[in-house]
Amino acid sequence: MKINVALSELNIQEYMAEVGAGARRASREIGRAETGAKNRALTEMALLIEQQADELTRANQLDLVAGKAKGLAAALLDRLELTPTRIQAMAEGLRQVAALADPVGGIHDLAYQPSGIQVGHMRVPLGVIGIIYESRPNVTADAAALCLKSGNAVILRGGSEAFHSNQAIAACIKQGLEMAGLPGNAVQVVNTTDRAAVGELLRMKAFVDVIIPRGGKSLIERISRESTVPVIKHLDGICHVYIDDDADFEKAVKVAFNAKTQRYGTCNTMETLLLAESVAAEILPDLCGHFMAAEVELRGCERALAIFPEMKAAVDADWDTEYLAPILSIKVVDDMDAAIAFINLHSSQHTESIITENYSKARQFLREVDSSSVMVNASTRFADGFEYGLGAEIGISTDKLHARGPVGLEGLTSVKYVVLGDGHIRQ
């Protein structure tokens, strides 16, 4: 099969059906593969990526040259580039996944029932996962590793801007699988940049069990709208920090400042700061001073402006905006109940944090805030698979069905009931 054949020369439906059928066959083998074989494949992939670093760099240069010719922004070109450090990080990432515990086949919650049978849950792979992503070529290796270790086959469709880089990485992955005696079709990177391939992937219910998009909001909105396959996703990261009237002010300043400024362009960055009215006048000027020193643009409600007039006036749209930039909206609320109501109205259900020394309030906040991660006295920037001890993540889900929050190995599996008996019959 020629690589990147134009649509006029290639029947996309037939090609994608071929990819899907191959993935379904491979998923049955990967699903029953021993942990040792999966770990060997990951280790071989890491070694091949290191050995073929020059080839990966050459392929990446083709993408960078094409990207510059298309006028890609500097930030996109930076994400696209495979530096020696990033290539080494890909290899180390594969080895780290190999070191993680294998979730497949684990039995938990096994308990005797009155009839004498034992009933429990066994963790099993999802089957075939389709992942659609943009820009970053390292996602090819990361996604392949997590899907393989969790016993799934995967179809990867990277962005056209990273086509040559992804194909070069895919060659290392395929070779590593085969060296470990596993089917090469367990990880397939779609070999055409034709957008019609994405549409086919989103409709392949016979072959694909779940779709995971990684990219900008427009990509995720399109996939959510068009897919007939279940989707694990989040759209926005509109995260809040609420400073309670029982907060330790030193903690509040430290946590809120970190939640906004540690990195601006991530989905777990604070976008709205809430303060209890009883403490706002005391703490807000100090906080605003820190933010303005860091050149963060502040947009406040009327009560916030009355305390710190140097900030801009917020408009209604600010409370529903993911800035991904040094911009922060600030609102003074009556109390914690008002903060919870505001968060549940405007949040994207990603991550929220309360700063308080009141145990009862902390428990109420944890219980009543309807987001995938809820924190007490901690920066929202911790909402990350690595920080949660998952080892790695494929993305973050704000949905409530199947997986919620950072999706690691366990999130790429499901469960089935297992029943153990010894000749038991139902009376």
Protein backbone atom coordinates (compact mmCIF):
# COMPACT_ATOMS: atom_id res chain seq x y z
CA MET A 1 0.00 0.00 0.00
CA LYS A 2 1.47 3.33 -1.06
CA ILE A 3 1.78 5.90 1.65
CA ASN A 4 -0.43 8.98 1.59
CA VAL A 5 -2.18 8.14 -1.67
CA ALA A 6 -4.67 10.80 -2.76
CA LEU A 7 -8.36 10.10 -2.38
CA SER A 8 -8.77 9.88 -6.14
CA GLU A 9 -6.34 6.95 -6.14
CA LEU A 10 -7.51 5.20 -3.02
CA ASN A 11 -10.88 3.98 -1.88
CA ILE A 12 -10.88 5.36 1.67
CA GLN A 13 -13.78 3.18 2.76
CA GLU A 14 -12.03 -0.02 1.66
CA TYR A 15 -8.72 1.06 3.15
CA MET A 16 -10.22 1.98 6.52
CA ALA A 17 -12.27 -1.23 6.60
CA GLU A 18 -9.03 -3.13 6.03
CA VAL A 19 -7.38 -1.21 8.87
CA GLY A 20 -10.36 -1.85 11.15
CA ALA A 21 -10.55 -5.56 10.40
CA GLY A 22 -6.83 -5.92 11.04
CA ALA A 23 -7.16 -4.09 14.35
CA ARG A 24 -10.07 -6.29 15.43
CA ARG A 25 -8.09 -9.46 14.68
CA ALA A 26 -5.05 -8.11 16.48
CA SER A 27 -7.12 -7.07 19.50
CA ARG A 28 -7.99 -10.67 20.24
CA GLU A 29 -4.31 -11.62 20.33
CA ILE A 30 -3.24 -8.57 22.31
CA GLY A 31 -6.10 -9.07 24.76
CA ARG A 32 -4.75 -12.47 25.76
CA ALA A 33 -1.05 -11.62 25.49
CA GLU A 34 1.09 -12.21 28.55
CA THR A 35 2.47 -9.23 30.42
CA GLY A 36 6.02 -10.29 29.62
CA ALA A 37 5.36 -10.20 25.87
CA LYS A 38 3.81 -6.74 26.07
CA ASN A 39 6.71 -5.46 28.14
CA ARG A 40 9.22 -6.94 25.69
CA ALA A 41 7.47 -5.17 22.83
CA LEU A 42 7.59 -1.85 24.69
CA THR A 43 11.26 -2.31 25.53
CA GLU A 44 12.12 -3.18 21.93
CA MET A 45 10.19 -0.13 20.69
CA ALA A 46 12.17 2.11 23.05
CA LEU A 47 15.46 0.68 21.83
CA LEU A 48 14.45 1.04 18.18
CA ILE A 49 13.45 4.68 18.67
CA GLU A 50 16.86 5.37 20.19
CA GLN A 51 18.68 3.46 17.44
CA GLN A 52 16.71 5.15 14.67
CA ALA A 53 16.87 8.67 16.10
CA ASP A 54 18.56 9.98 12.94
CA GLU A 55 15.79 8.54 10.75
CA LEU A 56 13.14 10.06 13.02
CA THR A 57 14.91 13.42 12.83
CA ARG A 58 15.03 13.28 9.01
CA ALA A 59 11.33 12.47 8.81
CA ASN A 60 10.56 15.24 11.27
CA GLN A 61 12.54 17.73 9.19
CA LEU A 62 10.24 17.00 6.24
CA ASP A 63 7.26 17.93 8.41
CA LEU A 64 8.95 21.05 9.80
CA VAL A 65 9.88 22.31 6.32
CA ALA A 66 6.34 21.71 5.09
CA GLY A 67 4.91 23.35 8.20
CA LYS A 68 7.00 26.48 7.75
CA ALA A 69 5.95 26.65 4.10
CA LYS A 70 2.31 26.49 5.18
CA GLY A 71 2.88 29.29 7.66
CA LEU A 72 2.29 27.28 10.84
CA ALA A 73 2.58 29.38 13.98
CA ALA A 74 5.79 29.17 15.99
CA ALA A 75 3.98 27.43 18.86
CA LEU A 76 2.69 24.70 16.52
CA LEU A 77 6.13 24.23 14.99
CA ASP A 78 7.57 23.87 18.47
CA ARG A 79 5.06 21.13 19.31
CA LEU A 80 5.85 19.43 16.04
CA GLU A 81 9.62 19.34 16.45
CA LEU A 82 11.35 16.14 17.55
CA THR A 83 14.51 17.26 19.30
CA PRO A 84 17.05 14.71 20.60
CA THR A 85 15.66 15.31 24.09
CA ARG A 86 12.10 14.61 22.96
CA ILE A 87 13.12 11.48 21.10
CA GLN A 88 14.85 10.21 24.23
CA ALA A 89 11.77 11.13 26.27
CA MET A 90 9.62 9.01 23.94
CA ALA A 91 11.88 6.03 24.55
CA GLU A 92 11.84 6.60 28.30
CA GLY A 93 8.06 6.91 28.22
CA LEU A 94 7.78 3.48 26.63
CA ARG A 95 10.02 1.99 29.32
CA GLN A 96 7.99 3.67 32.05
CA VAL A 97 4.78 2.12 30.73
CA ALA A 98 6.50 -1.27 30.62
CA ALA A 99 7.28 -0.85 34.33
CA LEU A 100 3.64 -0.20 35.24
CA ALA A 101 1.43 -2.94 36.64
CA ASP A 102 -0.65 -4.74 34.01
CA PRO A 103 -4.34 -4.14 34.76
CA VAL A 104 -5.64 -6.89 32.46
CA GLY A 105 -6.96 -10.04 34.14
CA GLY A 106 -6.94 -8.68 37.66
CA ILE A 107 -9.86 -9.89 39.75
CA HIS A 108 -11.20 -7.69 42.53
CA ASP A 109 -14.18 -7.46 44.86
CA LEU A 110 -14.46 -11.25 44.92
CA ALA A 111 -16.96 -12.16 47.63
CA TYR A 112 -19.04 -15.14 48.70
CA GLN A 113 -22.79 -14.91 48.18
CA PRO A 114 -25.47 -16.67 50.29
CA SER A 115 -25.72 -19.38 47.62
CA GLY A 116 -22.04 -20.26 48.08
CA ILE A 117 -20.82 -18.89 44.77
CA GLN A 118 -18.10 -16.23 44.63
CA VAL A 119 -18.81 -13.15 42.52
CA GLY A 120 -16.26 -10.53 41.50
CA HIS A 121 -14.98 -8.34 38.69
CA MET A 122 -12.20 -9.04 36.19
CA ARG A 123 -10.54 -6.15 34.38
CA VAL A 124 -10.57 -6.61 30.59
CA PRO A 125 -9.45 -4.56 27.56
CA LEU A 126 -11.87 -2.32 25.71
CA GLY A 127 -10.88 -3.92 22.39
CA VAL A 128 -10.01 -1.50 19.58
CA ILE A 129 -9.37 2.17 20.35
CA GLY A 130 -9.28 4.92 17.74
CA ILE A 131 -7.20 7.96 18.67
CA ILE A 132 -7.34 11.17 16.64
CA TYR A 133 -4.78 13.81 17.56
CA GLU A 134 -2.90 16.87 16.35
CA SER A 135 0.65 18.16 16.06
CA ARG A 136 2.68 16.33 18.69
CA PRO A 137 4.37 13.23 17.17
CA ASN A 138 5.26 11.89 20.63
CA VAL A 139 1.54 11.10 21.11
CA THR A 140 2.03 8.27 18.59
CA ALA A 141 4.43 6.47 20.92
CA ASP A 142 2.60 7.40 24.14
CA ALA A 143 -0.80 6.25 22.87
CA ALA A 144 0.59 3.05 21.39
CA ALA A 145 2.28 2.19 24.70
CA LEU A 146 -0.78 2.74 26.87
CA CYS A 147 -3.12 0.88 24.52
CA LEU A 148 -0.73 -2.04 24.17
CA LYS A 149 -0.11 -2.40 27.92
CA SER A 150 -3.86 -2.32 28.59
CA GLY A 151 -4.42 -5.11 26.06
CA ASN A 152 -6.01 -3.03 23.31
CA ALA A 153 -5.35 -2.66 19.61
CA VAL A 154 -5.26 0.95 18.43
CA ILE A 155 -5.81 2.89 15.22
CA LEU A 156 -3.93 6.20 15.31
CA ARG A 157 -4.77 9.13 13.07
CA GLY A 158 -2.32 11.94 13.64
CA GLY A 159 -2.42 15.43 12.19
CA SER A 160 -1.32 15.90 8.59
CA GLU A 161 1.39 18.31 9.75
CA ALA A 162 3.18 15.41 11.52
CA PHE A 163 2.61 12.78 8.82
CA HIS A 164 6.22 11.76 8.11
CA SER A 165 7.21 11.83 11.79
CA ASN A 166 4.25 9.62 12.77
CA GLN A 167 4.98 7.11 10.03
CA ALA A 168 8.62 6.84 11.12
CA ILE A 169 7.60 6.27 14.75
CA ALA A 170 4.97 3.76 13.60
CA ALA A 171 7.66 1.73 11.83
CA CYS A 172 9.56 1.38 15.13
CA ILE A 173 6.39 0.38 16.95
CA LYS A 174 5.42 -2.26 14.39
CA GLN A 175 8.92 -3.74 14.39
CA GLY A 176 8.96 -3.85 18.20
CA LEU A 177 5.63 -5.69 18.30
CA GLU A 178 6.78 -8.28 15.82
CA MET A 179 10.10 -8.80 17.62
CA ALA A 180 8.08 -9.70 20.72
CA GLY A 181 5.89 -12.14 18.78
CA LEU A 182 2.86 -9.87 18.80
CA PRO A 183 0.79 -8.82 15.76
CA GLY A 184 2.06 -5.71 14.01
CA ASN A 185 -1.53 -4.64 13.33
CA ALA A 186 -2.05 -4.08 17.05
CA VAL A 187 -0.88 -0.52 16.42
CA GLN A 188 -1.72 1.05 13.07
CA VAL A 189 -1.11 4.64 12.02
CA VAL A 190 -3.46 5.69 9.22
CA ASN A 191 -1.26 6.23 6.19
CA THR A 192 -3.24 8.93 4.43
CA THR A 193 -3.78 12.58 5.31
CA ASP A 194 -7.18 12.59 3.59
CA ARG A 195 -9.77 13.95 6.04
CA ALA A 196 -12.26 11.39 4.78
CA ALA A 197 -10.32 8.77 6.74
CA VAL A 198 -11.35 10.49 9.99
CA GLY A 199 -15.00 10.35 8.98
CA GLU A 200 -14.72 6.63 8.26
CA LEU A 201 -12.98 5.96 11.57
CA LEU A 202 -15.78 7.73 13.44
CA ARG A 203 -18.37 5.42 11.86
CA MET A 204 -16.60 2.05 12.17
CA LYS A 205 -18.74 0.62 14.97
CA ALA A 206 -18.08 -2.91 13.71
CA PHE A 207 -14.35 -2.54 14.33
CA VAL A 208 -13.80 0.30 16.84
CA ASP A 209 -15.01 0.25 20.46
CA VAL A 210 -14.12 3.78 21.56
CA ILE A 211 -12.71 7.00 20.08
CA ILE A 212 -10.34 9.28 22.01
CA PRO A 213 -9.64 12.74 20.54
CA ARG A 214 -6.59 14.76 21.59
CA GLY A 215 -6.35 18.27 20.27
CA GLY A 216 -8.07 21.62 20.07
CA LYS A 217 -11.69 22.35 20.86
CA SER A 218 -12.77 22.40 17.21
CA LEU A 219 -11.39 18.90 16.63
CA ILE A 220 -13.07 17.51 19.73
CA GLU A 221 -16.38 19.20 18.91
CA ARG A 222 -16.36 17.71 15.43
CA ILE A 223 -15.59 14.23 16.70
CA SER A 224 -18.24 14.43 19.42
CA ARG A 225 -20.80 15.59 16.86
CA GLU A 226 -20.04 13.10 14.10
CA SER A 227 -18.92 9.92 15.86
CA THR A 228 -21.26 6.94 16.05
CA VAL A 229 -18.63 5.25 18.24
CA PRO A 230 -18.51 6.15 21.97
CA VAL A 231 -16.10 9.03 22.69
CA ILE A 232 -13.91 9.66 25.76
CA LYS A 233 -13.16 13.39 25.82
CA HIS A 234 -13.20 16.79 27.41
CA LEU A 235 -13.86 20.03 25.58
CA ASP A 236 -12.81 22.87 27.88
CA GLY A 237 -10.75 23.25 31.01
CA ILE A 238 -12.60 26.03 32.82
CA CYS A 239 -11.14 25.41 36.29
CA HIS A 240 -11.88 27.31 39.50
CA VAL A 241 -10.14 27.98 42.80
CA TYR A 242 -12.38 29.16 45.66
CA ILE A 243 -10.80 30.95 48.63
CA ASP A 244 -13.06 30.32 51.60
CA ASP A 245 -13.50 32.61 54.62
CA ASP A 246 -11.76 29.90 56.68
CA ALA A 247 -8.73 29.82 54.38
CA ASP A 248 -5.13 30.11 55.47
CA PHE A 249 -4.14 33.22 53.53
CA GLU A 250 -0.55 32.14 52.92
CA LYS A 251 -1.76 28.86 51.42
CA ALA A 252 -4.41 30.68 49.42
CA VAL A 253 -1.95 33.03 47.75
CA LYS A 254 0.54 30.27 47.01
CA VAL A 255 -2.03 27.83 45.58
CA ALA A 256 -3.99 30.37 43.53
CA PHE A 257 -0.85 31.88 42.03
CA ASN A 258 0.50 28.46 41.07
CA ALA A 259 -2.84 27.31 39.66
CA LYS A 260 -2.77 30.20 37.19
CA THR A 261 0.87 30.91 36.42
CA GLN A 262 2.71 27.56 36.57
CA ARG A 263 1.63 27.03 32.94
CA TYR A 264 -0.91 29.06 31.02
CA GLY A 265 -1.78 26.80 28.10
CA THR A 266 -2.97 23.66 29.90
CA CYS A 267 -6.50 22.41 30.51
CA ASN A 268 -5.94 22.19 34.29
CA THR A 269 -4.91 25.85 34.67
CA MET A 270 -7.21 28.01 36.82
CA GLU A 271 -9.30 30.36 34.69
CA THR A 272 -11.61 31.81 37.39
CA LEU A 273 -10.75 32.75 40.97
CA LEU A 274 -13.60 32.95 43.51
CA LEU A 275 -13.31 34.61 46.92
CA ALA A 276 -15.65 34.71 49.88
CA GLU A 277 -16.85 38.27 50.42
CA SER A 278 -15.85 38.31 54.09
CA VAL A 279 -12.12 37.89 53.25
CA ALA A 280 -11.91 39.36 49.74
CA ALA A 281 -10.88 42.87 50.85
CA GLU A 282 -8.09 41.47 52.97
CA ILE A 283 -6.57 39.00 50.52
CA LEU A 284 -7.42 40.27 47.03
CA PRO A 285 -5.00 43.23 46.87
CA ASP A 286 -2.06 41.01 47.77
CA LEU A 287 -3.10 38.35 45.25
CA CYS A 288 -3.67 40.89 42.49
CA GLY A 289 -0.24 42.34 43.14
CA HIS A 290 1.33 38.95 42.54
CA PHE A 291 -0.67 38.39 39.37
CA MET A 292 0.07 41.81 37.94
CA ALA A 293 3.77 41.37 38.67
CA ALA A 294 3.52 38.21 36.54
CA GLU A 295 1.77 40.25 33.82
CA VAL A 296 -1.55 38.43 34.17
CA GLU A 297 -4.51 40.43 32.89
CA LEU A 298 -7.24 40.57 35.55
CA ARG A 299 -10.96 40.81 34.82
CA GLY A 300 -13.18 41.27 37.85
CA CYS A 301 -16.82 41.46 38.87
CA GLU A 302 -18.22 44.67 40.41
CA ARG A 303 -17.32 43.64 43.97
CA ALA A 304 -13.79 42.70 42.91
CA LEU A 305 -13.36 46.02 41.08
CA ALA A 306 -14.44 47.91 44.18
CA ILE A 307 -11.56 46.30 46.08
CA PHE A 308 -8.94 46.45 43.30
CA PRO A 309 -9.91 49.07 40.68
CA GLU A 310 -6.79 48.45 38.58
CA MET A 311 -8.31 45.32 37.02
CA LYS A 312 -10.61 45.35 33.98
CA ALA A 313 -14.36 44.82 34.26
CA ALA A 314 -15.40 41.25 33.49
CA VAL A 315 -18.24 40.54 31.06
CA ASP A 316 -20.60 37.57 31.16
CA ALA A 317 -18.54 35.65 28.59
CA ASP A 318 -15.50 35.68 30.88
CA TRP A 319 -17.10 33.20 33.29
CA ASP A 320 -17.42 30.65 30.48
CA THR A 321 -14.07 31.15 28.76
CA GLU A 322 -11.00 28.92 28.74
CA TYR A 323 -8.30 31.52 28.19
CA LEU A 324 -5.21 29.29 27.92
CA ALA A 325 -3.36 32.59 28.37
CA PRO A 326 -2.22 34.99 31.14
CA ILE A 327 -5.78 36.21 31.73
CA LEU A 328 -7.77 35.56 34.92
CA SER A 329 -11.39 36.29 35.79
CA ILE A 330 -12.10 37.09 39.45
CA LYS A 331 -15.45 36.98 41.23
CA VAL A 332 -16.38 37.75 44.83
CA VAL A 333 -19.20 35.49 46.10
CA ASP A 334 -21.31 35.56 49.26
CA ASP A 335 -20.11 32.25 50.70
CA MET A 336 -19.21 28.66 49.86
CA ASP A 337 -22.76 27.72 48.84
CA ALA A 338 -22.69 30.55 46.31
CA ALA A 339 -19.26 29.40 45.10
CA ILE A 340 -20.48 25.84 44.58
CA ALA A 341 -23.55 27.05 42.70
CA PHE A 342 -21.39 29.30 40.50
CA ILE A 343 -18.90 26.51 39.76
CA ASN A 344 -21.58 23.98 38.87
CA LEU A 345 -23.12 26.55 36.51
CA HIS A 346 -19.98 27.73 34.73
CA SER A 347 -17.45 24.91 35.13
CA SER A 348 -16.50 22.53 32.33
CA GLN A 349 -16.45 19.80 35.02
CA HIS A 350 -12.67 19.46 34.77
CA THR A 351 -10.99 20.52 38.05
CA GLU A 352 -11.94 22.74 41.00
CA SER A 353 -10.19 23.50 44.30
CA ILE A 354 -11.20 24.99 47.65
CA ILE A 355 -8.75 26.68 50.00
CA THR A 356 -10.04 26.23 53.55
CA GLU A 357 -9.04 25.03 57.00
CA ASN A 358 -12.63 24.01 57.78
CA TYR A 359 -12.95 20.22 57.53
CA SER A 360 -16.74 20.26 57.22
CA LYS A 361 -16.66 22.79 54.40
CA ALA A 362 -13.95 20.83 52.61
CA ARG A 363 -16.07 17.68 52.78
CA GLN A 364 -19.14 19.54 51.50
CA PHE A 365 -17.16 21.02 48.61
CA LEU A 366 -15.80 17.59 47.65
CA ARG A 367 -19.28 16.11 47.77
CA GLU A 368 -21.27 18.81 45.98
CA VAL A 369 -18.96 20.13 43.25
CA ASP A 370 -19.75 18.19 40.07
CA SER A 371 -16.34 17.92 38.39
CA SER A 372 -14.01 15.08 37.46
CA SER A 373 -11.34 16.30 39.92
CA VAL A 374 -12.12 18.19 43.14
CA MET A 375 -9.32 19.33 45.45
CA VAL A 376 -8.73 20.80 48.90
CA ASN A 377 -5.78 23.17 49.47
CA ALA A 378 -4.03 22.09 46.28
CA SER A 379 -3.34 23.63 42.88
CA THR A 380 -5.54 22.56 39.97
CA ARG A 381 -2.30 21.92 38.06
CA PHE A 382 -2.08 18.57 39.83
CA ALA A 383 -4.96 17.22 37.70
CA ASP A 384 -2.68 15.03 35.62
CA GLY A 385 -2.21 11.30 35.19
CA PHE A 386 1.45 11.35 36.22
CA GLU A 387 0.74 13.44 39.32
CA TYR A 388 -2.13 11.11 40.24
CA GLY A 389 0.19 8.12 40.22
CA LEU A 390 -1.22 6.62 37.02
CA GLY A 391 2.22 6.64 35.41
CA ALA A 392 0.86 8.11 32.21
CA GLU A 393 -2.43 9.21 30.69
CA ILE A 394 -4.11 9.12 27.30
CA GLY A 395 -6.15 12.21 28.09
CA ILE A 396 -8.70 13.59 30.54
CA SER A 397 -12.40 12.77 30.51
CA THR A 398 -15.11 15.04 31.87
CA ASP A 399 -17.82 12.53 30.94
CA LYS A 400 -19.50 10.47 33.63
CA LEU A 401 -19.78 7.14 31.86
CA HIS A 402 -16.89 4.65 31.92
CA ALA A 403 -13.85 6.84 32.64
CA ARG A 404 -13.70 10.21 34.41
CA GLY A 405 -10.68 12.40 35.07
CA PRO A 406 -7.18 11.44 33.84
CA VAL A 407 -7.43 8.26 31.76
CA GLY A 408 -4.55 5.88 32.38
CA LEU A 409 -4.19 2.14 31.92
CA GLU A 410 -7.20 1.29 34.07
CA GLY A 411 -9.32 3.81 32.17
CA LEU A 412 -8.53 1.93 28.96
CA THR A 413 -10.10 -1.22 30.36
CA SER A 414 -13.56 -2.31 31.40
CA VAL A 415 -14.79 -5.04 33.76
CA LYS A 416 -16.80 -8.20 33.47
CA TYR A 417 -18.40 -10.24 36.23
CA VAL A 418 -16.74 -13.53 37.09
CA VAL A 419 -18.49 -16.24 39.09
CA LEU A 420 -16.68 -19.09 40.83
CA GLY A 421 -18.57 -22.17 41.90
CA ASP A 422 -18.02 -25.85 42.63
CA GLY A 423 -20.97 -27.55 41.05
CA HIS A 424 -23.39 -24.98 42.44
CA ILE A 425 -26.93 -24.94 41.05
CA ARG A 426 -29.65 -22.41 41.65
CA GLN A 427 -32.46 -23.69 43.87
